[in-house]
């Protein structure tokens, strides 16, 4: 059988529920900050972020100035500073992303074939930084110094020029070890008085004077491995 509730008991329970709900609403109203308070906190946090940003910029300037001083006075070479910075960053990355591979770049370069492959990819300027990175790397590069001569031969190039008043397209190469000149691929455009530079396995012929006496804007480059000239982006002005 179901026992009916007394009317007074039902009213008391209803009032108790209303009081509890009212208390919760008041508590919620009290805990919720006003819009002005939220904006005030946001402005305060923004001011703190601005101060931190200024401090960070100041520390970056001080760091760069310190590195320049150390390098200028010969205390620490710039390559060694960069190598140390790389090690710290690399260690932080490995800490965030653990790797079970125990091999290091230094240990890989102990193998002659791998060291030669790295050297061919890096080029002369990259090798200088690699040798300055650590003593073990320097020893690895020194061990293959004779083999590196085949990858980076000492050659002198005579590019273009003038003969009988006419610009030349011919290019010759002088092999220092063989003490002999040989012809290589000719320029696509004859040019006299051009500038030339070697960069990352390529030789660049820049500007010069054309057959018509015009100052050239064109630029060509040749890969030293296949001796093929190709056009690259022109300069803004002929010279």
C-alpha atoms as a PDB file:
ATOM      1  CA  UNK A   1       0.000   0.000   0.000  1.00  0.00           C
ATOM      2  CA  UNK A   2       1.164   3.561  -0.756  1.00  0.00           C
ATOM      3  CA  UNK A   3       1.328   5.874   2.216  1.00  0.00           C
ATOM      4  CA  UNK A   4      -0.001   9.313   1.283  1.00  0.00           C
ATOM      5  CA  UNK A   5       2.160  12.330   2.180  1.00  0.00           C
ATOM      6  CA  UNK A   6       0.881  14.754   4.731  1.00  0.00           C
ATOM      7  CA  UNK A   7       0.141  18.176   3.135  1.00  0.00           C
ATOM      8  CA  UNK A   8       2.475  19.953   5.564  1.00  0.00           C
ATOM      9  CA  UNK A   9       5.339  17.605   4.707  1.00  0.00           C
ATOM     10  CA  UNK A  10       4.942  18.331   0.988  1.00  0.00           C
ATOM     11  CA  UNK A  11       4.979  22.084   1.583  1.00  0.00           C
ATOM     12  CA  UNK A  12       8.075  21.836   3.795  1.00  0.00           C
ATOM     13  CA  UNK A  13       9.973  19.854   1.171  1.00  0.00           C
ATOM     14  CA  UNK A  14       8.987  22.333  -1.548  1.00  0.00           C
ATOM     15  CA  UNK A  15      10.131  25.300   0.539  1.00  0.00           C
ATOM     16  CA  UNK A  16      13.423  23.575   1.337  1.00  0.00           C
ATOM     17  CA  UNK A  17      14.044  22.990  -2.380  1.00  0.00           C
ATOM     18  CA  UNK A  18      13.260  26.631  -3.157  1.00  0.00           C
ATOM     19  CA  UNK A  19      15.658  27.819  -0.444  1.00  0.00           C
ATOM     20  CA  UNK A  20      18.430  25.576  -1.749  1.00  0.00           C
ATOM     21  CA  UNK A  21      17.937  26.789  -5.337  1.00  0.00           C
ATOM     22  CA  UNK A  22      17.920  30.416  -4.196  1.00  0.00           C
ATOM     23  CA  UNK A  23      21.141  29.877  -2.248  1.00  0.00           C
ATOM     24  CA  UNK A  24      22.848  28.340  -5.272  1.00  0.00           C
ATOM     25  CA  UNK A  25      21.752  31.237  -7.491  1.00  0.00           C
ATOM     26  CA  UNK A  26      23.078  33.761  -4.984  1.00  0.00           C
ATOM     27  CA  UNK A  27      26.366  31.873  -4.739  1.00  0.00           C
ATOM     28  CA  UNK A  28      26.658  31.821  -8.520  1.00  0.00           C
ATOM     29  CA  UNK A  29      25.895  35.517  -8.726  1.00  0.00           C
ATOM     30  CA  UNK A  30      28.528  36.326  -6.129  1.00  0.00           C
ATOM     31  CA  UNK A  31      31.287  34.193  -7.742  1.00  0.00           C
ATOM     32  CA  UNK A  32      30.801  35.539 -11.273  1.00  0.00           C
ATOM     33  CA  UNK A  33      32.977  38.683 -11.764  1.00  0.00           C
ATOM     34  CA  UNK A  34      31.567  41.708 -13.477  1.00  0.00           C
ATOM     35  CA  UNK A  35      32.555  42.762 -16.988  1.00  0.00           C
ATOM     36  CA  UNK A  36      34.596  45.667 -15.662  1.00  0.00           C
ATOM     37  CA  UNK A  37      36.578  43.327 -13.418  1.00  0.00           C
ATOM     38  CA  UNK A  38      37.293  40.974 -16.320  1.00  0.00           C
ATOM     39  CA  UNK A  39      38.469  43.858 -18.502  1.00  0.00           C
ATOM     40  CA  UNK A  40      40.645  45.168 -15.687  1.00  0.00           C
ATOM     41  CA  UNK A  41      42.343  41.763 -15.315  1.00  0.00           C
ATOM     42  CA  UNK A  42      42.828  41.505 -19.063  1.00  0.00           C
ATOM     43  CA  UNK A  43      44.492  44.927 -19.192  1.00  0.00           C
ATOM     44  CA  UNK A  44      46.722  43.951 -16.294  1.00  0.00           C
ATOM     45  CA  UNK A  45      47.792  40.729 -18.016  1.00  0.00           C
ATOM     46  CA  UNK A  46      48.383  42.600 -21.269  1.00  0.00           C
ATOM     47  CA  UNK A  47      50.658  45.057 -19.469  1.00  0.00           C
ATOM     48  CA  UNK A  48      52.623  42.143 -18.023  1.00  0.00           C
ATOM     49  CA  UNK A  49      52.942  40.562 -21.483  1.00  0.00           C
ATOM     50  CA  UNK A  50      54.196  43.863 -22.916  1.00  0.00           C
ATOM     51  CA  UNK A  51      56.844  44.101 -20.204  1.00  0.00           C
ATOM     52  CA  UNK A  52      57.944  40.508 -20.833  1.00  0.00           C
ATOM     53  CA  UNK A  53      58.093  41.161 -24.582  1.00  0.00           C
ATOM     54  CA  UNK A  54      60.314  44.219 -24.058  1.00  0.00           C
ATOM     55  CA  UNK A  55      62.544  42.274 -21.694  1.00  0.00           C
ATOM     56  CA  UNK A  56      62.838  39.432 -24.213  1.00  0.00           C
ATOM     57  CA  UNK A  57      63.808  41.866 -26.986  1.00  0.00           C
ATOM     58  CA  UNK A  58      66.418  43.412 -24.705  1.00  0.00           C
ATOM     59  CA  UNK A  59      67.879  40.004 -23.853  1.00  0.00           C
ATOM     60  CA  UNK A  60      68.070  39.118 -27.562  1.00  0.00           C
ATOM     61  CA  UNK A  61      69.999  42.327 -28.259  1.00  0.00           C
ATOM     62  CA  UNK A  62      72.365  41.662 -25.367  1.00  0.00           C
ATOM     63  CA  UNK A  63      72.896  38.083 -26.563  1.00  0.00           C
ATOM     64  CA  UNK A  64      73.726  39.189 -30.116  1.00  0.00           C
ATOM     65  CA  UNK A  65      76.074  41.909 -28.848  1.00  0.00           C
ATOM     66  CA  UNK A  66      77.845  39.397 -26.598  1.00  0.00           C
ATOM     67  CA  UNK A  67      78.251  36.915 -29.468  1.00  0.00           C
ATOM     68  CA  UNK A  68      79.651  39.661 -31.708  1.00  0.00           C
ATOM     69  CA  UNK A  69      82.175  40.686 -29.045  1.00  0.00           C
ATOM     70  CA  UNK A  70      83.294  37.123 -28.399  1.00  0.00           C
ATOM     71  CA  UNK A  71      83.731  36.512 -32.122  1.00  0.00           C
ATOM     72  CA  UNK A  72      85.398  39.881 -32.850  1.00  0.00           C
ATOM     73  CA  UNK A  73      88.004  39.466 -30.110  1.00  0.00           C
ATOM     74  CA  UNK A  74      88.670  35.850 -31.073  1.00  0.00           C
ATOM     75  CA  UNK A  75      87.539  34.469 -27.726  1.00  0.00           C
ATOM     76  CA  UNK A  76      85.047  32.073 -29.286  1.00  0.00           C
ATOM     77  CA  UNK A  77      84.621  31.600 -33.063  1.00  0.00           C
ATOM     78  CA  UNK A  78      81.136  32.283 -34.409  1.00  0.00           C
ATOM     79  CA  UNK A  79      80.906  28.706 -35.718  1.00  0.00           C
ATOM     80  CA  UNK A  80      81.558  27.319 -32.249  1.00  0.00           C
ATOM     81  CA  UNK A  81      78.866  29.520 -30.739  1.00  0.00           C
ATOM     82  CA  UNK A  82      76.376  28.323 -33.318  1.00  0.00           C
ATOM     83  CA  UNK A  83      77.427  24.716 -32.730  1.00  0.00           C
ATOM     84  CA  UNK A  84      76.885  25.070 -28.978  1.00  0.00           C
ATOM     85  CA  UNK A  85      73.486  26.684 -29.548  1.00  0.00           C
ATOM     86  CA  UNK A  86      72.542  23.859 -31.905  1.00  0.00           C
ATOM     87  CA  UNK A  87      73.520  21.233 -29.339  1.00  0.00           C
ATOM     88  CA  UNK A  88      71.321  22.868 -26.677  1.00  0.00           C
ATOM     89  CA  UNK A  89      68.335  23.093 -29.022  1.00  0.00           C
ATOM     90  CA  UNK A  90      68.846  19.558 -30.273  1.00  0.00           C
ATOM     91  CA  UNK A  91      69.038  18.243 -26.710  1.00  0.00           C
ATOM     92  CA  UNK A  92      65.768  20.014 -25.883  1.00  0.00           C
ATOM     93  CA  UNK A  93      64.082  18.460 -28.920  1.00  0.00           C
ATOM     94  CA  UNK A  94      65.338  14.979 -28.001  1.00  0.00           C
ATOM     95  CA  UNK A  95      64.002  15.468 -24.481  1.00  0.00           C
ATOM     96  CA  UNK A  96      60.550  16.316 -25.835  1.00  0.00           C
ATOM     97  CA  UNK A  97      60.715  13.516 -28.418  1.00  0.00           C
ATOM     98  CA  UNK A  98      62.829  10.627 -27.042  1.00  0.00           C
ATOM     99  CA  UNK A  99      64.595   8.517 -29.635  1.00  0.00           C
ATOM    100  CA  UNK A 100      66.084   5.076 -29.130  1.00  0.00           C
ATOM    101  CA  UNK A 101      68.685   5.577 -31.876  1.00  0.00           C
ATOM    102  CA  UNK A 102      72.116   5.635 -30.285  1.00  0.00           C
ATOM    103  CA  UNK A 103      74.073   6.723 -33.372  1.00  0.00           C
ATOM    104  CA  UNK A 104      75.310  10.324 -33.517  1.00  0.00           C
ATOM    105  CA  UNK A 105      76.393  12.445 -36.449  1.00  0.00           C
ATOM    106  CA  UNK A 106      79.976  12.258 -35.191  1.00  0.00           C
ATOM    107  CA  UNK A 107      79.890   8.461 -35.134  1.00  0.00           C
ATOM    108  CA  UNK A 108      78.371   8.313 -38.630  1.00  0.00           C
ATOM    109  CA  UNK A 109      81.151  10.470 -40.063  1.00  0.00           C
ATOM    110  CA  UNK A 110      83.693   7.940 -38.827  1.00  0.00           C
ATOM    111  CA  UNK A 111      82.720   5.883 -41.874  1.00  0.00           C
ATOM    112  CA  UNK A 112      84.724   7.178 -44.815  1.00  0.00           C
ATOM    113  CA  UNK A 113      81.961   6.731 -47.401  1.00  0.00           C
ATOM    114  CA  UNK A 114      79.393   8.614 -45.314  1.00  0.00           C
ATOM    115  CA  UNK A 115      81.872  11.370 -44.488  1.00  0.00           C
ATOM    116  CA  UNK A 116      82.589  11.885 -48.200  1.00  0.00           C
ATOM    117  CA  UNK A 117      78.877  11.955 -48.978  1.00  0.00           C
ATOM    118  CA  UNK A 118      78.250  14.589 -46.302  1.00  0.00           C
ATOM    119  CA  UNK A 119      81.211  16.627 -47.502  1.00  0.00           C
ATOM    120  CA  UNK A 120      80.050  16.604 -51.123  1.00  0.00           C
ATOM    121  CA  UNK A 121      76.613  17.834 -50.046  1.00  0.00           C
ATOM    122  CA  UNK A 122      77.885  20.536 -47.690  1.00  0.00           C
ATOM    123  CA  UNK A 123      80.446  22.172 -49.961  1.00  0.00           C
ATOM    124  CA  UNK A 124      83.595  24.026 -48.931  1.00  0.00           C
ATOM    125  CA  UNK A 125      81.863  26.647 -46.769  1.00  0.00           C
ATOM    126  CA  UNK A 126      79.771  23.999 -45.023  1.00  0.00           C
ATOM    127  CA  UNK A 127      82.853  21.916 -44.304  1.00  0.00           C
ATOM    128  CA  UNK A 128      84.464  24.833 -42.495  1.00  0.00           C
ATOM    129  CA  UNK A 129      81.505  25.030 -40.136  1.00  0.00           C
ATOM    130  CA  UNK A 130      81.427  21.258 -39.767  1.00  0.00           C
ATOM    131  CA  UNK A 131      85.095  21.105 -38.742  1.00  0.00           C
ATOM    132  CA  UNK A 132      84.547  23.880 -36.208  1.00  0.00           C
ATOM    133  CA  UNK A 133      81.573  22.064 -34.654  1.00  0.00           C
ATOM    134  CA  UNK A 134      83.647  19.611 -32.636  1.00  0.00           C
ATOM    135  CA  UNK A 135      87.078  18.022 -32.367  1.00  0.00           C
ATOM    136  CA  UNK A 136      85.819  14.633 -33.450  1.00  0.00           C
ATOM    137  CA  UNK A 137      84.264  16.136 -36.578  1.00  0.00           C
ATOM    138  CA  UNK A 138      87.508  17.941 -37.327  1.00  0.00           C
ATOM    139  CA  UNK A 139      89.444  14.682 -36.991  1.00  0.00           C
ATOM    140  CA  UNK A 140      86.983  12.900 -39.283  1.00  0.00           C
ATOM    141  CA  UNK A 141      87.400  15.573 -41.955  1.00  0.00           C
ATOM    142  CA  UNK A 142      91.184  15.548 -41.601  1.00  0.00           C
ATOM    143  CA  UNK A 143      91.229  11.786 -42.142  1.00  0.00           C
ATOM    144  CA  UNK A 144      89.636  12.167 -45.579  1.00  0.00           C
ATOM    145  CA  UNK A 145      91.456  15.349 -46.601  1.00  0.00           C
ATOM    146  CA  UNK A 146      93.162  13.600 -49.522  1.00  0.00           C
ATOM    147  CA  UNK A 147      89.856  12.281 -50.838  1.00  0.00           C
ATOM    148  CA  UNK A 148      88.207  15.681 -50.459  1.00  0.00           C
ATOM    149  CA  UNK A 149      90.614  17.101 -53.027  1.00  0.00           C
ATOM    150  CA  UNK A 150      88.798  15.047 -55.674  1.00  0.00           C
ATOM    151  CA  UNK A 151      85.459  16.535 -54.621  1.00  0.00           C
ATOM    152  CA  UNK A 152      86.717  20.096 -54.367  1.00  0.00           C
ATOM    153  CA  UNK A 153      89.581  20.502 -56.841  1.00  0.00           C
ATOM    154  CA  UNK A 154      91.482  23.783 -56.887  1.00  0.00           C
ATOM    155  CA  UNK A 155      90.680  25.228 -60.295  1.00  0.00           C
ATOM    156  CA  UNK A 156      90.916  28.688 -61.804  1.00  0.00           C
ATOM    157  CA  UNK A 157      88.405  29.794 -64.450  1.00  0.00           C
ATOM    158  CA  UNK A 158      88.832  32.381 -67.206  1.00  0.00           C
ATOM    159  CA  UNK A 159      85.305  33.373 -68.212  1.00  0.00           C
ATOM    160  CA  UNK A 160      84.508  35.399 -71.301  1.00  0.00           C
ATOM    161  CA  UNK A 161      86.639  38.456 -71.864  1.00  0.00           C
ATOM    162  CA  UNK A 162      87.606  40.273 -75.077  1.00  0.00           C
ATOM    163  CA  UNK A 163      89.774  39.474 -78.063  1.00  0.00           C
ATOM    164  CA  UNK A 164      90.255  41.823 -81.018  1.00  0.00           C
ATOM    165  CA  UNK A 165      87.561  44.117 -79.671  1.00  0.00           C
ATOM    166  CA  UNK A 166      84.902  41.369 -79.627  1.00  0.00           C
ATOM    167  CA  UNK A 167      83.406  39.813 -76.453  1.00  0.00           C
ATOM    168  CA  UNK A 168      84.148  36.135 -75.922  1.00  0.00           C
ATOM    169  CA  UNK A 169      81.874  33.284 -74.899  1.00  0.00           C
ATOM    170  CA  UNK A 170      84.697  30.810 -74.315  1.00  0.00           C
ATOM    171  CA  UNK A 171      85.573  29.529 -70.852  1.00  0.00           C
ATOM    172  CA  UNK A 172      88.830  27.869 -69.819  1.00  0.00           C
ATOM    173  CA  UNK A 173      89.811  26.094 -66.624  1.00  0.00           C
ATOM    174  CA  UNK A 174      93.257  25.858 -65.057  1.00  0.00           C
ATOM    175  CA  UNK A 175      93.934  22.722 -63.034  1.00  0.00           C
ATOM    176  CA  UNK A 176      96.360  23.697 -60.275  1.00  0.00           C
ATOM    177  CA  UNK A 177      97.549  20.147 -59.622  1.00  0.00           C
ATOM    178  CA  UNK A 178      98.076  19.304 -63.306  1.00  0.00           C
ATOM    179  CA  UNK A 179      99.376  22.798 -64.134  1.00  0.00           C
ATOM    180  CA  UNK A 180      97.366  22.816 -67.360  1.00  0.00           C
ATOM    181  CA  UNK A 181      94.525  24.714 -69.043  1.00  0.00           C
ATOM    182  CA  UNK A 182      91.523  23.069 -70.705  1.00  0.00           C
ATOM    183  CA  UNK A 183      88.367  24.307 -72.411  1.00  0.00           C
ATOM    184  CA  UNK A 184      84.970  23.850 -70.780  1.00  0.00           C
ATOM    185  CA  UNK A 185      81.426  24.705 -71.846  1.00  0.00           C
ATOM    186  CA  UNK A 186      81.088  28.173 -73.398  1.00  0.00           C
ATOM    187  CA  UNK A 187      78.790  30.892 -72.127  1.00  0.00           C
ATOM    188  CA  UNK A 188      75.363  31.201 -73.680  1.00  0.00           C
ATOM    189  CA  UNK A 189      75.969  34.925 -74.200  1.00  0.00           C
ATOM    190  CA  UNK A 190      79.388  36.380 -75.114  1.00  0.00           C
ATOM    191  CA  UNK A 191      80.393  38.967 -72.529  1.00  0.00           C
ATOM    192  CA  UNK A 192      83.452  41.016 -71.664  1.00  0.00           C
ATOM    193  CA  UNK A 193      84.214  42.640 -68.338  1.00  0.00           C
ATOM    194  CA  UNK A 194      81.724  40.460 -66.483  1.00  0.00           C
ATOM    195  CA  UNK A 195      81.911  39.656 -62.788  1.00  0.00           C
ATOM    196  CA  UNK A 196      82.277  36.041 -61.661  1.00  0.00           C
ATOM    197  CA  UNK A 197      81.737  34.262 -58.361  1.00  0.00           C
ATOM    198  CA  UNK A 198      81.710  30.679 -57.040  1.00  0.00           C
ATOM    199  CA  UNK A 199      78.856  29.643 -54.772  1.00  0.00           C
ATOM    200  CA  UNK A 200      77.725  26.194 -53.611  1.00  0.00           C
ATOM    201  CA  UNK A 201      79.087  24.187 -56.520  1.00  0.00           C
ATOM    202  CA  UNK A 202      78.180  26.751 -59.183  1.00  0.00           C
ATOM    203  CA  UNK A 203      80.108  29.482 -61.003  1.00  0.00           C
ATOM    204  CA  UNK A 204      78.165  32.652 -61.794  1.00  0.00           C
ATOM    205  CA  UNK A 205      78.908  35.028 -64.692  1.00  0.00           C
ATOM    206  CA  UNK A 206      77.224  38.351 -63.955  1.00  0.00           C
ATOM    207  CA  UNK A 207      76.589  41.200 -66.383  1.00  0.00           C
ATOM    208  CA  UNK A 208      79.359  42.464 -68.632  1.00  0.00           C
ATOM    209  CA  UNK A 209      79.332  44.031 -72.101  1.00  0.00           C
ATOM    210  CA  UNK A 210      77.582  42.400 -75.088  1.00  0.00           C
ATOM    211  CA  UNK A 211      78.585  42.237 -78.766  1.00  0.00           C
ATOM    212  CA  UNK A 212      76.555  45.394 -79.393  1.00  0.00           C
ATOM    213  CA  UNK A 213      78.329  47.244 -76.588  1.00  0.00           C
ATOM    214  CA  UNK A 214      75.276  47.059 -74.355  1.00  0.00           C
ATOM    215  CA  UNK A 215      75.578  46.598 -70.585  1.00  0.00           C
ATOM    216  CA  UNK A 216      74.081  43.189 -69.867  1.00  0.00           C
ATOM    217  CA  UNK A 217      71.477  42.422 -67.216  1.00  0.00           C
ATOM    218  CA  UNK A 218      71.709  38.676 -67.814  1.00  0.00           C
ATOM    219  CA  UNK A 219      73.293  36.233 -65.370  1.00  0.00           C
ATOM    220  CA  UNK A 220      74.454  32.687 -66.113  1.00  0.00           C
ATOM    221  CA  UNK A 221      75.664  29.932 -63.860  1.00  0.00           C
ATOM    222  CA  UNK A 222      77.516  26.690 -64.467  1.00  0.00           C
ATOM    223  CA  UNK A 223      77.479  23.581 -62.303  1.00  0.00           C
ATOM    224  CA  UNK A 224      81.080  22.523 -61.753  1.00  0.00           C
ATOM    225  CA  UNK A 225      80.095  18.848 -61.839  1.00  0.00           C
ATOM    226  CA  UNK A 226      78.473  18.728 -65.277  1.00  0.00           C
ATOM    227  CA  UNK A 227      79.896  21.945 -66.844  1.00  0.00           C
ATOM    228  CA  UNK A 228      76.532  23.156 -68.151  1.00  0.00           C
ATOM    229  CA  UNK A 229      75.619  26.854 -68.257  1.00  0.00           C
ATOM    230  CA  UNK A 230      72.070  27.988 -67.569  1.00  0.00           C
ATOM    231  CA  UNK A 231      70.341  31.363 -67.310  1.00  0.00           C
ATOM    232  CA  UNK A 232      69.124  32.607 -63.935  1.00  0.00           C
ATOM    233  CA  UNK A 233      67.128  35.687 -62.944  1.00  0.00           C
ATOM    234  CA  UNK A 234      68.313  38.892 -64.560  1.00  0.00           C
ATOM    235  CA  UNK A 235      69.547  41.902 -62.632  1.00  0.00           C
ATOM    236  CA  UNK A 236      67.421  45.032 -62.411  1.00  0.00           C
ATOM    237  CA  UNK A 237      70.031  47.095 -64.260  1.00  0.00           C
ATOM    238  CA  UNK A 238      72.676  46.270 -66.827  1.00  0.00           C
ATOM    239  CA  UNK A 239      76.273  46.593 -65.715  1.00  0.00           C
END
